[in-house]
């Protein structure tokens, strides 16, 4: 084999290698494009997740604020009920005391009436 034939064979082999490298490069370009698409999608997902996180945080804050207002309202209502109950108990104690006094006075009155009626019955 002559040098020129060897050179021609080598040139043909290098052309084949160059062709393969060219196809590999094209595939890498396709892979790179796919990675860029994936990167864009991931950026969009990150943006959506950040927005979702903000919404959850904001909603949690609003819910906590609402709960605090409701809790304070319930506390004031419970206090009002407790105060009314205590006032009712004091009034009931007062009425009970007045009833005892009235019953005692009526009992004394009944005793006086009997004494007076007994005195009248004897004087007739």
N, C-alpha and C. Protein backbone atom coordinates (compact mmCIF):
# COMPACT_ATOMS: atom_id res chain seq x y z
N UNK A 1 0.82 -1.15 0.00
CA UNK A 1 0.00 0.00 0.00
C UNK A 1 0.88 1.23 0.00
N UNK A 2 0.49 2.10 -0.86
CA UNK A 2 1.27 3.32 -1.03
C UNK A 2 0.81 4.33 0.01
N UNK A 3 1.66 5.28 0.22
CA UNK A 3 1.40 6.35 1.19
C UNK A 3 0.16 7.12 0.76
N UNK A 4 -0.01 7.36 -0.51
CA UNK A 4 -1.18 8.11 -0.96
C UNK A 4 -2.46 7.33 -0.68
N UNK A 5 -2.40 5.98 -0.85
CA UNK A 5 -3.58 5.17 -0.54
C UNK A 5 -3.84 5.17 0.96
N UNK A 6 -2.79 5.07 1.74
CA UNK A 6 -2.92 5.10 3.20
C UNK A 6 -3.49 6.43 3.66
N UNK A 7 -3.01 7.51 3.02
CA UNK A 7 -3.52 8.84 3.35
C UNK A 7 -4.99 8.94 3.00
N UNK A 8 -5.37 8.38 1.85
CA UNK A 8 -6.77 8.42 1.43
C UNK A 8 -7.63 7.63 2.40
N UNK A 9 -7.14 6.47 2.84
CA UNK A 9 -7.88 5.67 3.82
C UNK A 9 -8.01 6.41 5.15
N UNK A 10 -6.94 7.03 5.56
CA UNK A 10 -6.97 7.79 6.82
C UNK A 10 -7.89 9.00 6.70
N UNK A 11 -7.81 9.66 5.55
CA UNK A 11 -8.71 10.82 5.36
C UNK A 11 -10.17 10.36 5.41
N UNK A 12 -10.47 9.21 4.80
CA UNK A 12 -11.83 8.68 4.81
C UNK A 12 -12.25 8.33 6.23
N UNK A 13 -11.33 7.72 6.98
CA UNK A 13 -11.62 7.35 8.37
C UNK A 13 -11.84 8.62 9.21
N UNK A 14 -11.01 9.63 9.00
CA UNK A 14 -11.19 10.88 9.75
C UNK A 14 -12.50 11.58 9.38
N UNK A 15 -12.88 11.47 8.11
CA UNK A 15 -14.17 12.05 7.71
C UNK A 15 -15.31 11.34 8.45
N UNK A 16 -15.18 10.02 8.55
CA UNK A 16 -16.21 9.28 9.30
C UNK A 16 -16.23 9.70 10.77
N UNK A 17 -15.04 9.84 11.34
CA UNK A 17 -14.96 10.29 12.74
C UNK A 17 -15.54 11.69 12.86
N UNK A 18 -15.17 12.58 11.91
CA UNK A 18 -15.71 13.94 11.93
C UNK A 18 -17.24 13.92 11.83
N UNK A 19 -17.78 13.03 10.96
CA UNK A 19 -19.23 12.90 10.80
C UNK A 19 -19.87 12.46 12.11
N UNK A 20 -19.24 11.49 12.74
CA UNK A 20 -19.77 11.01 14.03
C UNK A 20 -19.72 12.12 15.08
N UNK A 21 -18.61 12.83 15.14
CA UNK A 21 -18.51 13.95 16.08
C UNK A 21 -19.57 15.00 15.79
N UNK A 22 -19.82 15.22 14.51
CA UNK A 22 -20.84 16.19 14.13
C UNK A 22 -22.21 15.73 14.64
N UNK A 23 -22.52 14.43 14.48
CA UNK A 23 -23.80 13.90 14.99
C UNK A 23 -23.86 13.98 16.52
N UNK A 24 -22.74 13.67 17.16
CA UNK A 24 -22.68 13.76 18.63
C UNK A 24 -22.90 15.21 19.06
N UNK A 25 -22.26 16.14 18.36
CA UNK A 25 -22.45 17.56 18.68
C UNK A 25 -23.91 17.97 18.53
N UNK A 26 -24.54 17.47 17.46
CA UNK A 26 -25.96 17.78 17.25
C UNK A 26 -26.81 17.23 18.40
N UNK A 27 -26.49 16.01 18.82
CA UNK A 27 -27.22 15.41 19.95
C UNK A 27 -27.00 16.23 21.23
N UNK A 28 -25.76 16.67 21.44
CA UNK A 28 -25.49 17.49 22.62
C UNK A 28 -26.27 18.80 22.56
N UNK A 29 -26.38 19.37 21.37
CA UNK A 29 -27.18 20.60 21.22
C UNK A 29 -28.64 20.33 21.58
N UNK A 30 -29.14 19.18 21.13
CA UNK A 30 -30.52 18.82 21.48
C UNK A 30 -30.66 18.62 23.00
N UNK A 31 -29.71 17.96 23.58
CA UNK A 31 -29.73 17.75 25.04
C UNK A 31 -29.66 19.10 25.76
N UNK A 32 -28.79 19.98 25.28
CA UNK A 32 -28.68 21.31 25.88
C UNK A 32 -30.01 22.06 25.79
N UNK A 33 -30.68 21.98 24.64
CA UNK A 33 -31.98 22.63 24.48
C UNK A 33 -32.99 22.06 25.47
N UNK A 34 -32.97 20.74 25.63
CA UNK A 34 -33.90 20.10 26.58
C UNK A 34 -33.60 20.56 28.01
N UNK A 35 -32.32 20.65 28.35
CA UNK A 35 -31.96 21.13 29.68
C UNK A 35 -32.43 22.58 29.89
N UNK A 36 -32.30 23.39 28.86
CA UNK A 36 -32.77 24.77 28.96
C UNK A 36 -34.29 24.81 29.18
N UNK A 37 -35.02 23.93 28.49
CA UNK A 37 -36.47 23.85 28.68
C UNK A 37 -36.80 23.42 30.12
N UNK A 38 -36.07 22.43 30.60
CA UNK A 38 -36.27 21.96 31.98
C UNK A 38 -35.95 23.08 32.96
N UNK A 39 -34.86 23.80 32.72
CA UNK A 39 -34.49 24.91 33.60
C UNK A 39 -35.61 25.97 33.63
N UNK A 40 -36.17 26.29 32.46
CA UNK A 40 -37.25 27.29 32.42
C UNK A 40 -38.47 26.78 33.20
N UNK A 41 -38.78 25.50 33.01
CA UNK A 41 -39.93 24.93 33.75
C UNK A 41 -39.67 24.97 35.25
N UNK A 42 -38.47 24.62 35.65
CA UNK A 42 -38.15 24.63 37.08
C UNK A 42 -38.20 26.05 37.64
N UNK A 43 -37.78 27.02 36.87
CA UNK A 43 -37.88 28.42 37.32
C UNK A 43 -39.34 28.81 37.50
N UNK A 44 -40.19 28.37 36.57
CA UNK A 44 -41.63 28.66 36.69
C UNK A 44 -42.20 27.98 37.93
N UNK A 45 -41.79 26.75 38.17
CA UNK A 45 -42.26 26.03 39.37
C UNK A 45 -41.78 26.74 40.63
N UNK A 46 -40.52 27.17 40.64
CA UNK A 46 -39.99 27.90 41.79
C UNK A 46 -40.80 29.17 42.05
N UNK A 47 -41.11 29.89 40.98
CA UNK A 47 -41.89 31.12 41.12
C UNK A 47 -43.26 30.81 41.70
N UNK A 48 -43.90 29.77 41.18
CA UNK A 48 -45.22 29.39 41.69
C UNK A 48 -45.14 28.95 43.15
N UNK A 49 -44.11 28.20 43.51
CA UNK A 49 -43.95 27.75 44.90
C UNK A 49 -43.71 28.94 45.84
N UNK A 50 -42.93 29.90 45.39
CA UNK A 50 -42.70 31.09 46.21
C UNK A 50 -44.00 31.85 46.41
N UNK A 51 -44.79 31.99 45.35
CA UNK A 51 -46.09 32.67 45.46
C UNK A 51 -47.01 31.90 46.39
N UNK A 52 -47.02 30.58 46.28
CA UNK A 52 -47.85 29.75 47.14
C UNK A 52 -47.41 29.89 48.60
N UNK A 53 -46.11 29.91 48.82
CA UNK A 53 -45.59 30.07 50.17
C UNK A 53 -46.02 31.41 50.76
N UNK A 54 -45.95 32.47 49.95
CA UNK A 54 -46.40 33.79 50.43
C UNK A 54 -47.89 33.77 50.76
N UNK A 55 -48.68 33.13 49.89
CA UNK A 55 -50.13 33.06 50.13
C UNK A 55 -50.44 32.29 51.40
N UNK A 56 -49.73 31.18 51.61
CA UNK A 56 -49.95 30.38 52.83
C UNK A 56 -49.57 31.19 54.07
N UNK A 57 -48.44 31.86 53.99
CA UNK A 57 -47.99 32.68 55.13
C UNK A 57 -48.99 33.80 55.40
N UNK A 58 -49.42 34.49 54.34
CA UNK A 58 -50.40 35.57 54.51
C UNK A 58 -51.71 35.05 55.08
N UNK A 59 -52.16 33.92 54.58
CA UNK A 59 -53.42 33.34 55.07
C UNK A 59 -53.28 32.92 56.53
N UNK A 60 -52.12 32.36 56.88
CA UNK A 60 -51.87 31.99 58.27
C UNK A 60 -51.90 33.21 59.18
N UNK A 61 -51.30 34.30 58.72
CA UNK A 61 -51.31 35.53 59.51
C UNK A 61 -52.73 36.07 59.67
N UNK A 62 -53.49 36.07 58.58
CA UNK A 62 -54.87 36.55 58.63
C UNK A 62 -55.72 35.66 59.54
N UNK A 63 -55.53 34.36 59.43
CA UNK A 63 -56.29 33.43 60.27
C UNK A 63 -55.95 33.64 61.74
N UNK A 64 -54.69 33.82 62.03
CA UNK A 64 -54.26 34.04 63.42
C UNK A 64 -54.88 35.34 63.96
N UNK A 65 -54.86 36.39 63.13
CA UNK A 65 -55.44 37.67 63.53
C UNK A 65 -56.94 37.50 63.81
N UNK A 66 -57.63 36.79 62.92
CA UNK A 66 -59.07 36.55 63.09
C UNK A 66 -59.31 35.73 64.37
N UNK A 67 -58.51 34.70 64.58
CA UNK A 67 -58.65 33.87 65.77
C UNK A 67 -58.45 34.71 67.03
N UNK A 68 -57.45 35.58 67.02
CA UNK A 68 -57.21 36.43 68.19
C UNK A 68 -58.41 37.33 68.47
N UNK A 69 -59.01 37.89 67.43
CA UNK A 69 -60.18 38.75 67.61
C UNK A 69 -61.35 37.94 68.18
N UNK A 70 -61.57 36.74 67.61
CA UNK A 70 -62.66 35.89 68.09
C UNK A 70 -62.40 35.48 69.55
N UNK A 71 -61.17 35.12 69.86
CA UNK A 71 -60.83 34.71 71.23
C UNK A 71 -61.08 35.87 72.20
N UNK A 72 -60.67 37.07 71.83
CA UNK A 72 -60.90 38.23 72.70
C UNK A 72 -62.40 38.47 72.89
N UNK A 73 -63.17 38.34 71.81
CA UNK A 73 -64.62 38.51 71.91
C UNK A 73 -65.22 37.47 72.84
N UNK A 74 -64.77 36.22 72.71
CA UNK A 74 -65.28 35.16 73.59
C UNK A 74 -64.92 35.43 75.04
N UNK A 75 -63.69 35.91 75.26
CA UNK A 75 -63.29 36.24 76.63
C UNK A 75 -64.21 37.30 77.22
N UNK A 76 -64.49 38.34 76.43
CA UNK A 76 -65.36 39.40 76.95
C UNK A 76 -66.77 38.89 77.18
N UNK A 77 -67.26 38.00 76.31
CA UNK A 77 -68.59 37.43 76.52
C UNK A 77 -68.62 36.54 77.75
N UNK A 78 -67.59 35.73 77.95
CA UNK A 78 -67.53 34.89 79.14
C UNK A 78 -67.48 35.76 80.40
N UNK A 79 -66.71 36.85 80.34
CA UNK A 79 -66.64 37.75 81.49
C UNK A 79 -68.00 38.37 81.77
N UNK A 80 -68.70 38.76 80.71
CA UNK A 80 -70.04 39.35 80.89
C UNK A 80 -70.98 38.32 81.52
N UNK A 81 -70.92 37.08 81.08
CA UNK A 81 -71.77 36.03 81.65
C UNK A 81 -71.39 35.79 83.10
N UNK A 82 -70.09 35.74 83.38
CA UNK A 82 -69.63 35.52 84.76
C UNK A 82 -70.07 36.68 85.66
N UNK A 83 -69.94 37.91 85.15
CA UNK A 83 -70.37 39.07 85.94
C UNK A 83 -71.87 39.03 86.19
N UNK A 84 -72.64 38.70 85.15
CA UNK A 84 -74.10 38.62 85.31
C UNK A 84 -74.46 37.51 86.28
N UNK A 85 -73.75 36.40 86.22
CA UNK A 85 -74.01 35.30 87.14
C UNK A 85 -73.70 35.70 88.57
N UNK A 86 -72.57 36.38 88.76
CA UNK A 86 -72.21 36.84 90.11
C UNK A 86 -73.24 37.84 90.62
N UNK A 87 -73.69 38.74 89.75
CA UNK A 87 -74.70 39.72 90.15
C UNK A 87 -76.01 39.01 90.51
N UNK A 88 -76.37 38.00 89.72
CA UNK A 88 -77.59 37.23 90.01
C UNK A 88 -77.47 36.52 91.35
N UNK A 89 -76.30 35.96 91.62
CA UNK A 89 -76.09 35.29 92.90
C UNK A 89 -76.20 36.27 94.06
N UNK A 90 -75.62 37.47 93.88
CA UNK A 90 -75.72 38.49 94.95
C UNK A 90 -77.18 38.90 95.16
N UNK A 91 -77.90 39.07 94.06
CA UNK A 91 -79.33 39.46 94.14
C UNK A 91 -80.14 38.35 94.80
N UNK A 92 -79.85 37.09 94.43
CA UNK A 92 -80.55 35.96 95.03
C UNK A 92 -80.26 35.89 96.52
N UNK A 93 -79.01 36.14 96.92
CA UNK A 93 -78.66 36.14 98.35
C UNK A 93 -79.41 37.26 99.06
N UNK A 94 -79.51 38.41 98.39
CA UNK A 94 -80.23 39.54 98.98
C UNK A 94 -81.72 39.21 99.14
N UNK A 95 -82.30 38.60 98.10
CA UNK A 95 -83.72 38.22 98.15
C UNK A 95 -83.94 37.18 99.23
N UNK A 96 -83.02 36.22 99.32
CA UNK A 96 -83.13 35.17 100.35
C UNK A 96 -83.08 35.80 101.73
N UNK A 97 -82.17 36.74 101.90
CA UNK A 97 -82.04 37.42 103.20
C UNK A 97 -83.31 38.21 103.51
N UNK A 98 -83.84 38.90 102.49
CA UNK A 98 -85.07 39.66 102.68
C UNK A 98 -86.24 38.72 102.99
N UNK A 99 -86.26 37.56 102.35
CA UNK A 99 -87.32 36.58 102.60
C UNK A 99 -87.26 36.07 104.03
N UNK A 100 -86.05 35.80 104.50
CA UNK A 100 -85.89 35.32 105.88
C UNK A 100 -86.37 36.40 106.85
N UNK A 101 -86.00 37.64 106.56
CA UNK A 101 -86.44 38.75 107.42
C UNK A 101 -87.95 38.88 107.39
N UNK A 102 -88.53 38.79 106.20
CA UNK A 102 -89.98 38.89 106.05
C UNK A 102 -90.68 37.75 106.77
N UNK A 103 -90.19 36.53 106.61
CA UNK A 103 -90.78 35.38 107.28
C UNK A 103 -90.69 35.53 108.80
N UNK A 104 -89.56 36.04 109.23
CA UNK A 104 -89.39 36.27 110.69
C UNK A 104 -90.39 37.31 111.17
N UNK A 105 -90.55 38.38 110.38
CA UNK A 105 -91.51 39.43 110.77
C UNK A 105 -92.94 38.87 110.75
N UNK A 106 -93.27 38.09 109.74
CA UNK A 106 -94.60 37.49 109.66
C UNK A 106 -94.83 36.53 110.82
N UNK A 107 -93.81 35.79 111.17
CA UNK A 107 -93.93 34.87 112.29
C UNK A 107 -94.20 35.64 113.58
N UNK A 108 -93.44 36.74 113.76
CA UNK A 108 -93.67 37.58 114.95
C UNK A 108 -95.07 38.18 114.90
N UNK A 109 -95.52 38.60 113.74
CA UNK A 109 -96.84 39.19 113.57
C UNK A 109 -97.93 38.16 113.91
N UNK A 110 -97.72 36.93 113.44
CA UNK A 110 -98.67 35.85 113.71
C UNK A 110 -98.74 35.61 115.20
N UNK A 111 -97.60 35.62 115.84
CA UNK A 111 -97.57 35.42 117.30
C UNK A 111 -98.30 36.55 118.00
N UNK A 112 -98.08 37.79 117.55
CA UNK A 112 -98.77 38.93 118.18
C UNK A 112 -100.29 38.81 117.98
N UNK A 113 -100.69 38.41 116.77
CA UNK A 113 -102.13 38.26 116.51
C UNK A 113 -102.74 37.21 117.43
N UNK A 114 -102.08 36.11 117.59
CA UNK A 114 -102.60 35.05 118.46
C UNK A 114 -102.72 35.55 119.90
N UNK A 115 -101.68 36.28 120.30
CA UNK A 115 -101.70 36.81 121.68
C UNK A 115 -102.89 37.78 121.83
N UNK A 116 -103.02 38.66 120.81
CA UNK A 116 -104.13 39.64 120.88
C UNK A 116 -105.48 38.93 120.83
N UNK A 117 -105.64 37.96 119.96
CA UNK A 117 -106.90 37.24 119.86
C UNK A 117 -107.16 36.47 121.14
N UNK A 118 -106.12 35.95 121.75
CA UNK A 118 -106.28 35.23 123.02
C UNK A 118 -106.70 36.19 124.13
N UNK A 119 -106.16 37.37 124.09
CA UNK A 119 -106.49 38.36 125.11
C UNK A 119 -107.93 38.81 124.89
N UNK A 120 -108.37 38.99 123.72
CA UNK A 120 -109.74 39.40 123.43
C UNK A 120 -110.74 38.32 123.82
N UNK A 121 -110.38 37.10 123.54
CA UNK A 121 -111.28 35.99 123.85
C UNK A 121 -111.46 35.84 125.34
N UNK A 122 -110.50 36.17 126.09
CA UNK A 122 -110.59 36.05 127.55
C UNK A 122 -111.36 37.21 128.12
N UNK A 123 -111.21 38.40 127.49
CA UNK A 123 -111.90 39.55 128.04
C UNK A 123 -113.38 39.54 127.71
N UNK A 124 -113.88 38.81 126.89
CA UNK A 124 -115.29 38.77 126.57
C UNK A 124 -115.98 37.95 127.51
